[in-house]
C-alpha atoms as a PDB file:
ATOM      1  CA  UNK A   1       0.000   0.000   0.000  1.00  0.00           C
ATOM      2  CA  UNK A   2       1.241   3.536  -0.696  1.00  0.00           C
ATOM      3  CA  UNK A   3       2.278   5.505   2.390  1.00  0.00           C
ATOM      4  CA  UNK A   4      -0.387   7.769   3.801  1.00  0.00           C
ATOM      5  CA  UNK A   5       0.020  11.534   3.429  1.00  0.00           C
ATOM      6  CA  UNK A   6       1.455  13.482   6.384  1.00  0.00           C
ATOM      7  CA  UNK A   7      -1.301  14.897   8.639  1.00  0.00           C
ATOM      8  CA  UNK A   8      -0.707  18.507   7.534  1.00  0.00           C
ATOM      9  CA  UNK A   9      -0.844  17.550   3.837  1.00  0.00           C
ATOM     10  CA  UNK A  10      -3.937  15.441   4.400  1.00  0.00           C
ATOM     11  CA  UNK A  11      -5.670  18.353   6.136  1.00  0.00           C
ATOM     12  CA  UNK A  12      -4.703  20.696   3.287  1.00  0.00           C
ATOM     13  CA  UNK A  13      -6.002  18.249   0.694  1.00  0.00           C
ATOM     14  CA  UNK A  14      -9.260  17.889   2.587  1.00  0.00           C
ATOM     15  CA  UNK A  15      -9.696  21.665   2.805  1.00  0.00           C
ATOM     16  CA  UNK A  16      -9.005  22.015  -0.926  1.00  0.00           C
ATOM     17  CA  UNK A  17     -11.532  19.311  -1.737  1.00  0.00           C
ATOM     18  CA  UNK A  18     -14.125  20.982   0.480  1.00  0.00           C
ATOM     19  CA  UNK A  19     -13.636  24.352  -1.175  1.00  0.00           C
ATOM     20  CA  UNK A  20     -13.671  22.802  -4.637  1.00  0.00           C
ATOM     21  CA  UNK A  21     -16.989  21.190  -3.791  1.00  0.00           C
ATOM     22  CA  UNK A  22     -18.387  24.534  -2.679  1.00  0.00           C
ATOM     23  CA  UNK A  23     -17.263  26.267  -5.878  1.00  0.00           C
ATOM     24  CA  UNK A  24     -18.603  23.502  -8.072  1.00  0.00           C
ATOM     25  CA  UNK A  25     -21.983  23.541  -6.324  1.00  0.00           C
ATOM     26  CA  UNK A  26     -22.171  27.268  -7.079  1.00  0.00           C
ATOM     27  CA  UNK A  27     -21.916  26.882 -10.844  1.00  0.00           C
ATOM     28  CA  UNK A  28     -23.910  23.662 -10.916  1.00  0.00           C
ATOM     29  CA  UNK A  29     -26.824  25.527  -9.277  1.00  0.00           C
ATOM     30  CA  UNK A  30     -26.661  27.955 -12.184  1.00  0.00           C
ATOM     31  CA  UNK A  31     -26.731  25.142 -14.742  1.00  0.00           C
ATOM     32  CA  UNK A  32     -23.293  26.081 -16.086  1.00  0.00           C
ATOM     33  CA  UNK A  33     -20.597  23.744 -17.444  1.00  0.00           C
ATOM     34  CA  UNK A  34     -18.037  25.497 -15.214  1.00  0.00           C
ATOM     35  CA  UNK A  35     -16.464  28.918 -14.812  1.00  0.00           C
ATOM     36  CA  UNK A  36     -14.298  31.128 -17.023  1.00  0.00           C
ATOM     37  CA  UNK A  37     -11.941  33.356 -15.031  1.00  0.00           C
ATOM     38  CA  UNK A  38     -10.299  36.115 -17.077  1.00  0.00           C
ATOM     39  CA  UNK A  39      -8.037  37.408 -14.301  1.00  0.00           C
ATOM     40  CA  UNK A  40      -5.702  34.783 -12.861  1.00  0.00           C
ATOM     41  CA  UNK A  41      -1.949  35.173 -12.457  1.00  0.00           C
ATOM     42  CA  UNK A  42       0.641  32.739 -13.749  1.00  0.00           C
ATOM     43  CA  UNK A  43       4.182  33.909 -14.422  1.00  0.00           C
ATOM     44  CA  UNK A  44       7.736  32.618 -14.091  1.00  0.00           C
ATOM     45  CA  UNK A  45       8.153  31.278 -10.571  1.00  0.00           C
ATOM     46  CA  UNK A  46      10.938  33.645  -9.580  1.00  0.00           C
ATOM     47  CA  UNK A  47       8.865  36.613 -10.758  1.00  0.00           C
ATOM     48  CA  UNK A  48       5.782  35.390  -8.919  1.00  0.00           C
ATOM     49  CA  UNK A  49       7.796  34.879  -5.752  1.00  0.00           C
ATOM     50  CA  UNK A  50       8.983  38.490  -5.996  1.00  0.00           C
ATOM     51  CA  UNK A  51       5.344  39.569  -6.331  1.00  0.00           C
ATOM     52  CA  UNK A  52       4.469  37.552  -3.243  1.00  0.00           C
ATOM     53  CA  UNK A  53       7.379  39.099  -1.373  1.00  0.00           C
ATOM     54  CA  UNK A  54       6.030  42.534  -2.263  1.00  0.00           C
ATOM     55  CA  UNK A  55       2.627  41.605  -0.829  1.00  0.00           C
ATOM     56  CA  UNK A  56       4.314  40.174   2.257  1.00  0.00           C
ATOM     57  CA  UNK A  57       6.164  43.454   2.790  1.00  0.00           C
ATOM     58  CA  UNK A  58       2.912  45.472   2.700  1.00  0.00           C
ATOM     59  CA  UNK A  59       4.296  47.453  -0.223  1.00  0.00           C
ATOM     60  CA  UNK A  60       3.321  50.966  -1.258  1.00  0.00           C
ATOM     61  CA  UNK A  61       1.413  49.836  -4.359  1.00  0.00           C
ATOM     62  CA  UNK A  62      -0.983  47.823  -2.203  1.00  0.00           C
ATOM     63  CA  UNK A  63      -1.460  50.703   0.190  1.00  0.00           C
ATOM     64  CA  UNK A  64       0.539  49.044   2.966  1.00  0.00           C
ATOM     65  CA  UNK A  65      -2.314  46.601   3.503  1.00  0.00           C
ATOM     66  CA  UNK A  66      -2.019  43.277   5.274  1.00  0.00           C
ATOM     67  CA  UNK A  67      -2.452  40.977   2.261  1.00  0.00           C
ATOM     68  CA  UNK A  68      -1.820  37.274   2.940  1.00  0.00           C
ATOM     69  CA  UNK A  69      -1.559  35.128  -0.197  1.00  0.00           C
ATOM     70  CA  UNK A  70      -4.187  32.391   0.104  1.00  0.00           C
ATOM     71  CA  UNK A  71      -2.881  30.124  -2.660  1.00  0.00           C
ATOM     72  CA  UNK A  72       0.876  30.200  -2.140  1.00  0.00           C
ATOM     73  CA  UNK A  73       1.485  26.917  -3.948  1.00  0.00           C
ATOM     74  CA  UNK A  74       3.604  25.513  -6.743  1.00  0.00           C
ATOM     75  CA  UNK A  75       2.454  26.080 -10.319  1.00  0.00           C
ATOM     76  CA  UNK A  76       1.139  22.532 -10.811  1.00  0.00           C
ATOM     77  CA  UNK A  77      -0.844  22.725  -7.588  1.00  0.00           C
ATOM     78  CA  UNK A  78      -2.375  26.044  -8.601  1.00  0.00           C
ATOM     79  CA  UNK A  79      -3.513  24.777 -11.990  1.00  0.00           C
ATOM     80  CA  UNK A  80      -4.889  21.643 -10.318  1.00  0.00           C
ATOM     81  CA  UNK A  81      -6.845  23.809  -7.882  1.00  0.00           C
ATOM     82  CA  UNK A  82      -8.456  25.834 -10.674  1.00  0.00           C
ATOM     83  CA  UNK A  83      -9.395  22.655 -12.494  1.00  0.00           C
ATOM     84  CA  UNK A  84     -10.774  21.249  -9.267  1.00  0.00           C
ATOM     85  CA  UNK A  85     -12.923  24.353  -8.950  1.00  0.00           C
ATOM     86  CA  UNK A  86     -14.268  23.684 -12.433  1.00  0.00           C
ATOM     87  CA  UNK A  87     -12.614  26.678 -14.094  1.00  0.00           C
ATOM     88  CA  UNK A  88     -12.795  25.747 -17.776  1.00  0.00           C
ATOM     89  CA  UNK A  89     -10.488  28.505 -18.979  1.00  0.00           C
ATOM     90  CA  UNK A  90      -8.247  31.003 -17.236  1.00  0.00           C
ATOM     91  CA  UNK A  91      -5.452  33.451 -18.027  1.00  0.00           C
ATOM     92  CA  UNK A  92      -1.797  34.054 -17.176  1.00  0.00           C
ATOM     93  CA  UNK A  93      -1.926  37.723 -16.227  1.00  0.00           C
ATOM     94  CA  UNK A  94       1.718  38.803 -16.231  1.00  0.00           C
ATOM     95  CA  UNK A  95       3.193  42.254 -16.644  1.00  0.00           C
ATOM     96  CA  UNK A  96       6.524  44.104 -16.775  1.00  0.00           C
ATOM     97  CA  UNK A  97       7.473  46.904 -14.430  1.00  0.00           C
ATOM     98  CA  UNK A  98      10.413  48.138 -16.509  1.00  0.00           C
ATOM     99  CA  UNK A  99      11.723  48.072 -20.096  1.00  0.00           C
ATOM    100  CA  UNK A 100      13.225  44.854 -21.436  1.00  0.00           C
ATOM    101  CA  UNK A 101      10.933  42.464 -19.547  1.00  0.00           C
ATOM    102  CA  UNK A 102       7.884  42.061 -21.736  1.00  0.00           C
ATOM    103  CA  UNK A 103       9.364  40.057 -24.624  1.00  0.00           C
ATOM    104  CA  UNK A 104      10.857  37.565 -22.164  1.00  0.00           C
ATOM    105  CA  UNK A 105       7.577  37.287 -20.258  1.00  0.00           C
ATOM    106  CA  UNK A 106       5.745  36.681 -23.527  1.00  0.00           C
ATOM    107  CA  UNK A 107       8.085  33.827 -24.369  1.00  0.00           C
ATOM    108  CA  UNK A 108       7.387  32.224 -21.015  1.00  0.00           C
ATOM    109  CA  UNK A 109       3.635  32.727 -21.400  1.00  0.00           C
ATOM    110  CA  UNK A 110       3.608  31.149 -24.859  1.00  0.00           C
ATOM    111  CA  UNK A 111       5.317  28.067 -23.447  1.00  0.00           C
ATOM    112  CA  UNK A 112       2.911  27.988 -20.484  1.00  0.00           C
ATOM    113  CA  UNK A 113      -0.060  28.109 -22.847  1.00  0.00           C
ATOM    114  CA  UNK A 114       1.381  25.219 -24.898  1.00  0.00           C
ATOM    115  CA  UNK A 115       1.679  23.008 -21.828  1.00  0.00           C
ATOM    116  CA  UNK A 116      -1.539  24.237 -20.203  1.00  0.00           C
ATOM    117  CA  UNK A 117      -4.376  23.776 -22.710  1.00  0.00           C
ATOM    118  CA  UNK A 118      -7.004  25.426 -20.507  1.00  0.00           C
ATOM    119  CA  UNK A 119      -4.988  28.639 -20.178  1.00  0.00           C
ATOM    120  CA  UNK A 120      -5.835  31.335 -22.697  1.00  0.00           C
ATOM    121  CA  UNK A 121      -2.516  32.317 -24.283  1.00  0.00           C
ATOM    122  CA  UNK A 122      -1.675  35.618 -22.578  1.00  0.00           C
ATOM    123  CA  UNK A 123       0.863  38.313 -23.494  1.00  0.00           C
ATOM    124  CA  UNK A 124       1.859  41.749 -22.265  1.00  0.00           C
ATOM    125  CA  UNK A 125       3.731  44.914 -23.273  1.00  0.00           C
ATOM    126  CA  UNK A 126       5.494  48.058 -22.065  1.00  0.00           C
ATOM    127  CA  UNK A 127       6.096  51.395 -23.842  1.00  0.00           C
ATOM    128  CA  UNK A 128       9.554  50.857 -25.336  1.00  0.00           C
ATOM    129  CA  UNK A 129      11.033  51.145 -28.844  1.00  0.00           C
ATOM    130  CA  UNK A 130      10.462  47.507 -29.881  1.00  0.00           C
ATOM    131  CA  UNK A 131       6.993  47.143 -28.377  1.00  0.00           C
ATOM    132  CA  UNK A 132       5.089  47.014 -31.682  1.00  0.00           C
ATOM    133  CA  UNK A 133       7.437  44.317 -33.005  1.00  0.00           C
ATOM    134  CA  UNK A 134       7.118  41.936 -30.062  1.00  0.00           C
ATOM    135  CA  UNK A 135       3.367  42.508 -29.724  1.00  0.00           C
ATOM    136  CA  UNK A 136       3.000  41.535 -33.386  1.00  0.00           C
ATOM    137  CA  UNK A 137       5.118  38.451 -32.704  1.00  0.00           C
ATOM    138  CA  UNK A 138       2.820  37.521 -29.826  1.00  0.00           C
ATOM    139  CA  UNK A 139      -0.293  38.027 -31.947  1.00  0.00           C
ATOM    140  CA  UNK A 140       1.147  35.884 -34.719  1.00  0.00           C
ATOM    141  CA  UNK A 141       2.081  33.245 -32.130  1.00  0.00           C
ATOM    142  CA  UNK A 142      -1.573  32.983 -31.117  1.00  0.00           C
ATOM    143  CA  UNK A 143      -1.956  35.278 -28.105  1.00  0.00           C
ATOM    144  CA  UNK A 144      -5.633  35.564 -27.200  1.00  0.00           C
ATOM    145  CA  UNK A 145      -5.547  38.136 -24.431  1.00  0.00           C
ATOM    146  CA  UNK A 146      -3.093  40.805 -23.288  1.00  0.00           C
ATOM    147  CA  UNK A 147      -2.452  42.241 -19.842  1.00  0.00           C
ATOM    148  CA  UNK A 148      -1.566  45.893 -19.222  1.00  0.00           C
ATOM    149  CA  UNK A 149      -0.817  47.240 -15.752  1.00  0.00           C
ATOM    150  CA  UNK A 150      -0.736  51.016 -15.735  1.00  0.00           C
ATOM    151  CA  UNK A 151      -0.270  51.232 -11.964  1.00  0.00           C
ATOM    152  CA  UNK A 152       2.679  48.838 -11.586  1.00  0.00           C
ATOM    153  CA  UNK A 153       4.248  49.818 -14.919  1.00  0.00           C
ATOM    154  CA  UNK A 154       3.831  53.510 -14.045  1.00  0.00           C
ATOM    155  CA  UNK A 155       3.382  54.452 -17.702  1.00  0.00           C
ATOM    156  CA  UNK A 156       0.960  56.626 -19.606  1.00  0.00           C
ATOM    157  CA  UNK A 157      -1.354  54.454 -21.723  1.00  0.00           C
ATOM    158  CA  UNK A 158      -1.533  57.297 -24.241  1.00  0.00           C
ATOM    159  CA  UNK A 159       2.251  57.114 -24.783  1.00  0.00           C
ATOM    160  CA  UNK A 160       2.934  57.482 -28.482  1.00  0.00           C
ATOM    161  CA  UNK A 161       4.994  54.274 -28.398  1.00  0.00           C
ATOM    162  CA  UNK A 162       1.775  52.368 -27.652  1.00  0.00           C
ATOM    163  CA  UNK A 163      -0.423  53.834 -30.382  1.00  0.00           C
ATOM    164  CA  UNK A 164       0.520  51.174 -32.954  1.00  0.00           C
ATOM    165  CA  UNK A 165      -0.043  48.507 -30.304  1.00  0.00           C
ATOM    166  CA  UNK A 166      -3.545  49.697 -29.449  1.00  0.00           C
ATOM    167  CA  UNK A 167      -4.388  49.913 -33.141  1.00  0.00           C
ATOM    168  CA  UNK A 168      -2.985  46.453 -33.832  1.00  0.00           C
ATOM    169  CA  UNK A 169      -4.947  44.876 -30.977  1.00  0.00           C
ATOM    170  CA  UNK A 170      -8.140  46.681 -31.958  1.00  0.00           C
ATOM    171  CA  UNK A 171      -7.786  45.423 -35.522  1.00  0.00           C
ATOM    172  CA  UNK A 172      -7.036  41.873 -34.345  1.00  0.00           C
ATOM    173  CA  UNK A 173      -9.993  42.064 -31.906  1.00  0.00           C
ATOM    174  CA  UNK A 174      -7.815  40.719 -29.088  1.00  0.00           C
ATOM    175  CA  UNK A 175      -8.976  41.759 -25.602  1.00  0.00           C
ATOM    176  CA  UNK A 176      -6.681  43.598 -23.199  1.00  0.00           C
ATOM    177  CA  UNK A 177      -7.236  43.233 -19.453  1.00  0.00           C
ATOM    178  CA  UNK A 178      -6.006  46.549 -18.110  1.00  0.00           C
ATOM    179  CA  UNK A 179      -5.441  47.616 -14.525  1.00  0.00           C
ATOM    180  CA  UNK A 180      -6.025  51.336 -14.886  1.00  0.00           C
ATOM    181  CA  UNK A 181      -8.161  52.234 -11.879  1.00  0.00           C
ATOM    182  CA  UNK A 182      -6.574  54.002  -8.930  1.00  0.00           C
ATOM    183  CA  UNK A 183      -6.926  51.142  -6.451  1.00  0.00           C
ATOM    184  CA  UNK A 184      -5.464  50.098  -4.131  1.00  0.00           C
ATOM    185  CA  UNK A 185      -3.510  53.359  -4.433  1.00  0.00           C
ATOM    186  CA  UNK A 186      -3.429  55.865  -7.310  1.00  0.00           C
ATOM    187  CA  UNK A 187      -0.536  56.004  -9.732  1.00  0.00           C
ATOM    188  CA  UNK A 188       0.675  58.872 -11.876  1.00  0.00           C
ATOM    189  CA  UNK A 189      -1.327  57.643 -14.884  1.00  0.00           C
ATOM    190  CA  UNK A 190      -4.232  55.736 -13.320  1.00  0.00           C
ATOM    191  CA  UNK A 191      -7.861  56.778 -13.509  1.00  0.00           C
ATOM    192  CA  UNK A 192     -10.424  57.061 -16.293  1.00  0.00           C
ATOM    193  CA  UNK A 193      -9.039  60.111 -18.115  1.00  0.00           C
ATOM    194  CA  UNK A 194      -6.023  58.467 -19.825  1.00  0.00           C
ATOM    195  CA  UNK A 195      -8.148  55.479 -20.860  1.00  0.00           C
ATOM    196  CA  UNK A 196     -10.827  57.793 -22.232  1.00  0.00           C
ATOM    197  CA  UNK A 197      -8.154  59.349 -24.457  1.00  0.00           C
ATOM    198  CA  UNK A 198      -7.012  55.902 -25.635  1.00  0.00           C
ATOM    199  CA  UNK A 199     -10.578  54.917 -26.493  1.00  0.00           C
ATOM    200  CA  UNK A 200     -11.278  58.183 -28.283  1.00  0.00           C
ATOM    201  CA  UNK A 201      -8.426  57.288 -30.622  1.00  0.00           C
ATOM    202  CA  UNK A 202      -9.171  53.528 -30.766  1.00  0.00           C
ATOM    203  CA  UNK A 203     -12.933  53.140 -30.174  1.00  0.00           C
ATOM    204  CA  UNK A 204     -13.021  49.484 -31.304  1.00  0.00           C
ATOM    205  CA  UNK A 205     -10.409  48.410 -28.766  1.00  0.00           C
ATOM    206  CA  UNK A 206     -11.579  45.490 -26.624  1.00  0.00           C
ATOM    207  CA  UNK A 207     -10.526  46.741 -23.224  1.00  0.00           C
ATOM    208  CA  UNK A 208     -11.480  44.734 -20.130  1.00  0.00           C
ATOM    209  CA  UNK A 209     -11.251  47.112 -17.179  1.00  0.00           C
ATOM    210  CA  UNK A 210      -9.795  45.129 -14.278  1.00  0.00           C
ATOM    211  CA  UNK A 211     -11.393  45.326 -10.822  1.00  0.00           C
ATOM    212  CA  UNK A 212     -14.398  47.179 -12.320  1.00  0.00           C
ATOM    213  CA  UNK A 213     -12.035  50.168 -12.359  1.00  0.00           C
ATOM    214  CA  UNK A 214     -12.051  50.512  -8.566  1.00  0.00           C
ATOM    215  CA  UNK A 215     -12.374  52.940  -6.947  1.00  0.00           C
ATOM    216  CA  UNK A 216     -13.548  54.995  -9.963  1.00  0.00           C
ATOM    217  CA  UNK A 217     -16.357  52.522 -10.575  1.00  0.00           C
ATOM    218  CA  UNK A 218     -18.904  54.947 -11.977  1.00  0.00           C
ATOM    219  CA  UNK A 219     -16.461  56.713 -14.281  1.00  0.00           C
ATOM    220  CA  UNK A 220     -15.464  53.396 -15.842  1.00  0.00           C
ATOM    221  CA  UNK A 221     -19.119  52.415 -16.137  1.00  0.00           C
ATOM    222  CA  UNK A 222     -19.470  55.641 -18.150  1.00  0.00           C
ATOM    223  CA  UNK A 223     -16.793  54.409 -20.570  1.00  0.00           C
ATOM    224  CA  UNK A 224     -18.383  50.965 -20.872  1.00  0.00           C
ATOM    225  CA  UNK A 225     -21.727  52.577 -21.671  1.00  0.00           C
ATOM    226  CA  UNK A 226     -20.099  54.848 -24.257  1.00  0.00           C
ATOM    227  CA  UNK A 227     -17.935  52.223 -26.018  1.00  0.00           C
ATOM    228  CA  UNK A 228     -19.569  48.933 -26.909  1.00  0.00           C
ATOM    229  CA  UNK A 229     -16.297  46.971 -26.899  1.00  0.00           C
ATOM    230  CA  UNK A 230     -15.372  47.974 -23.352  1.00  0.00           C
ATOM    231  CA  UNK A 231     -15.918  45.318 -20.707  1.00  0.00           C
ATOM    232  CA  UNK A 232     -15.250  45.083 -16.978  1.00  0.00           C
ATOM    233  CA  UNK A 233     -13.973  42.251 -14.819  1.00  0.00           C
ATOM    234  CA  UNK A 234     -15.156  41.613 -11.274  1.00  0.00           C
ATOM    235  CA  UNK A 235     -11.743  40.967  -9.746  1.00  0.00           C
ATOM    236  CA  UNK A 236     -11.956  41.407  -5.953  1.00  0.00           C
ATOM    237  CA  UNK A 237     -15.030  43.630  -6.267  1.00  0.00           C
ATOM    238  CA  UNK A 238     -17.828  43.236  -3.698  1.00  0.00           C
ATOM    239  CA  UNK A 239     -15.790  40.961  -1.420  1.00  0.00           C
ATOM    240  CA  UNK A 240     -15.665  41.854   2.259  1.00  0.00           C
ATOM    241  CA  UNK A 241     -11.969  42.703   1.924  1.00  0.00           C
ATOM    242  CA  UNK A 242     -12.568  45.268  -0.816  1.00  0.00           C
ATOM    243  CA  UNK A 243     -15.854  46.687   0.432  1.00  0.00           C
ATOM    244  CA  UNK A 244     -14.108  47.886   3.598  1.00  0.00           C
ATOM    245  CA  UNK A 245     -11.636  49.854   1.496  1.00  0.00           C
ATOM    246  CA  UNK A 246     -13.300  50.796  -1.807  1.00  0.00           C
ATOM    247  CA  UNK A 247     -17.031  50.038  -1.614  1.00  0.00           C
ATOM    248  CA  UNK A 248     -19.010  49.829  -4.820  1.00  0.00           C
ATOM    249  CA  UNK A 249     -21.757  52.499  -4.806  1.00  0.00           C
ATOM    250  CA  UNK A 250     -25.091  50.707  -4.554  1.00  0.00           C
ATOM    251  CA  UNK A 251     -26.730  53.393  -6.685  1.00  0.00           C
ATOM    252  CA  UNK A 252     -24.651  52.056  -9.604  1.00  0.00           C
ATOM    253  CA  UNK A 253     -25.911  48.456  -9.377  1.00  0.00           C
ATOM    254  CA  UNK A 254     -28.686  49.011 -11.971  1.00  0.00           C
ATOM    255  CA  UNK A 255     -26.020  50.224 -14.402  1.00  0.00           C
ATOM    256  CA  UNK A 256     -23.936  47.114 -13.725  1.00  0.00           C
ATOM    257  CA  UNK A 257     -27.015  44.985 -14.302  1.00  0.00           C
ATOM    258  CA  UNK A 258     -27.624  46.787 -17.581  1.00  0.00           C
ATOM    259  CA  UNK A 259     -24.116  45.890 -18.728  1.00  0.00           C
ATOM    260  CA  UNK A 260     -24.654  42.233 -17.895  1.00  0.00           C
ATOM    261  CA  UNK A 261     -23.392  41.064 -21.276  1.00  0.00           C
ATOM    262  CA  UNK A 262     -20.051  42.852 -20.766  1.00  0.00           C
ATOM    263  CA  UNK A 263     -19.112  41.966 -17.201  1.00  0.00           C
ATOM    264  CA  UNK A 264     -16.671  39.058 -16.812  1.00  0.00           C
ATOM    265  CA  UNK A 265     -15.617  36.981 -13.841  1.00  0.00           C
ATOM    266  CA  UNK A 266     -12.134  37.766 -12.540  1.00  0.00           C
ATOM    267  CA  UNK A 267     -10.610  36.634  -9.260  1.00  0.00           C
ATOM    268  CA  UNK A 268      -6.884  37.584  -8.971  1.00  0.00           C
ATOM    269  CA  UNK A 269      -6.108  33.957  -8.071  1.00  0.00           C
ATOM    270  CA  UNK A 270      -3.705  33.045  -6.506  1.00  0.00           C
ATOM    271  CA  UNK A 271      -2.873  36.503  -5.087  1.00  0.00           C
ATOM    272  CA  UNK A 272      -6.035  36.964  -3.025  1.00  0.00           C
ATOM    273  CA  UNK A 273      -6.267  37.351   0.749  1.00  0.00           C
ATOM    274  CA  UNK A 274      -9.363  35.125   1.084  1.00  0.00           C
ATOM    275  CA  UNK A 275     -10.746  31.881  -0.416  1.00  0.00           C
ATOM    276  CA  UNK A 276     -11.719  31.845  -4.101  1.00  0.00           C
ATOM    277  CA  UNK A 277     -15.345  31.029  -3.335  1.00  0.00           C
ATOM    278  CA  UNK A 278     -15.815  34.406  -1.638  1.00  0.00           C
ATOM    279  CA  UNK A 279     -15.700  36.169  -5.024  1.00  0.00           C
ATOM    280  CA  UNK A 280     -18.558  34.014  -6.259  1.00  0.00           C
ATOM    281  CA  UNK A 281     -20.589  34.456  -3.091  1.00  0.00           C
ATOM    282  CA  UNK A 282     -20.117  38.230  -3.269  1.00  0.00           C
ATOM    283  CA  UNK A 283     -21.461  38.322  -6.824  1.00  0.00           C
ATOM    284  CA  UNK A 284     -24.441  36.168  -5.913  1.00  0.00           C
ATOM    285  CA  UNK A 285     -25.217  38.397  -2.920  1.00  0.00           C
ATOM    286  CA  UNK A 286     -25.757  41.374  -5.259  1.00  0.00           C
ATOM    287  CA  UNK A 287     -29.140  39.901  -6.136  1.00  0.00           C
ATOM    288  CA  UNK A 288     -28.874  40.724  -9.844  1.00  0.00           C
ATOM    289  CA  UNK A 289     -30.412  37.416 -10.841  1.00  0.00           C
ATOM    290  CA  UNK A 290     -29.558  34.002 -12.177  1.00  0.00           C
ATOM    291  CA  UNK A 291     -29.150  35.042 -15.812  1.00  0.00           C
ATOM    292  CA  UNK A 292     -26.783  37.879 -14.887  1.00  0.00           C
ATOM    293  CA  UNK A 293     -24.684  35.479 -12.818  1.00  0.00           C
ATOM    294  CA  UNK A 294     -24.624  32.884 -15.598  1.00  0.00           C
ATOM    295  CA  UNK A 295     -23.449  35.487 -18.087  1.00  0.00           C
ATOM    296  CA  UNK A 296     -20.791  36.946 -15.804  1.00  0.00           C
ATOM    297  CA  UNK A 297     -19.382  33.659 -14.524  1.00  0.00           C
ATOM    298  CA  UNK A 298     -19.230  31.867 -17.859  1.00  0.00           C
ATOM    299  CA  UNK A 299     -21.231  32.883 -20.897  1.00  0.00           C
ATOM    300  CA  UNK A 300     -19.789  36.336 -21.618  1.00  0.00           C
ATOM    301  CA  UNK A 301     -16.184  35.154 -21.598  1.00  0.00           C
ATOM    302  CA  UNK A 302     -17.062  31.931 -23.419  1.00  0.00           C
ATOM    303  CA  UNK A 303     -18.525  34.028 -26.230  1.00  0.00           C
ATOM    304  CA  UNK A 304     -15.689  36.558 -26.231  1.00  0.00           C
ATOM    305  CA  UNK A 305     -13.028  33.855 -26.536  1.00  0.00           C
ATOM    306  CA  UNK A 306     -15.018  31.449 -28.716  1.00  0.00           C
ATOM    307  CA  UNK A 307     -14.917  28.654 -26.153  1.00  0.00           C
ATOM    308  CA  UNK A 308     -18.281  27.156 -27.098  1.00  0.00           C
ATOM    309  CA  UNK A 309     -17.254  26.712 -30.726  1.00  0.00           C
ATOM    310  CA  UNK A 310     -13.944  25.214 -29.675  1.00  0.00           C
ATOM    311  CA  UNK A 311     -15.676  22.719 -27.425  1.00  0.00           C
ATOM    312  CA  UNK A 312     -17.899  21.720 -30.315  1.00  0.00           C
ATOM    313  CA  UNK A 313     -14.770  21.118 -32.392  1.00  0.00           C
ATOM    314  CA  UNK A 314     -13.158  19.074 -29.607  1.00  0.00           C
ATOM    315  CA  UNK A 315     -10.898  21.813 -28.176  1.00  0.00           C
ATOM    316  CA  UNK A 316     -10.712  23.150 -24.653  1.00  0.00           C
ATOM    317  CA  UNK A 317      -9.556  26.668 -23.864  1.00  0.00           C
ATOM    318  CA  UNK A 318      -7.343  26.873 -26.943  1.00  0.00           C
END
């Protein structure tokens, strides 16, 4: 007989199985085939460990908050957890904080997508002289979603070096998940105004505003109502952790309901200070209805990324 697992490992496995059951019961109640999470982080291990260290040190960009990492596990364990939750497709949100990083990160992400069929091939960029060239390389290599982080990168999204990139991605109809809101703390170029200028120049750009644009929720709802290709992801919104810091204005819930076909589930897994299921429970507690939840937790992203057609052809998340 194989040796039994150590008590601590056995307890951890049991807790993971219990949470997975809770998550799966959530989407099964909605009659869904699973979840699609457009905001999960996978990156080279040494980079991710540096990110975790930053959270551990209560860094300035997280407002000095106490932010324990709930899913501090090895890459294989993290992918297994998402699959156990029933997440059909997820992303590898990775981002540079200085020049010279993005092309290397894109190479890693392309390899990760090849060995992880349920990960949507993710890429990133930074305003630097060769940005248009390596973004085109990523598009030609099959990238399906890009990540931009205005706060961490500390760059102006209207930078002239990025204009060809925005145009290229708009033409290719490839979504960009962009952290551009001023939470947890504002950056030099965060907020709705720079993004409004980008969209005025590239109105067909498929921007997915991360974290619902917190804390400028209503201003980013304005942009989503003005531009039909703008979407929002739910990452960390409405959870107890976030509501204490940057509460969503309840007067804006009808507007969020009205944009139900352009709101997508995001979680920030694994870098969240609470269990994954809390994001789902927080969305359900809004009381916006079964059909809204179904769309947000699966159908909108499945349509955006063509997952239903792929499944029909025998693919999965690719």
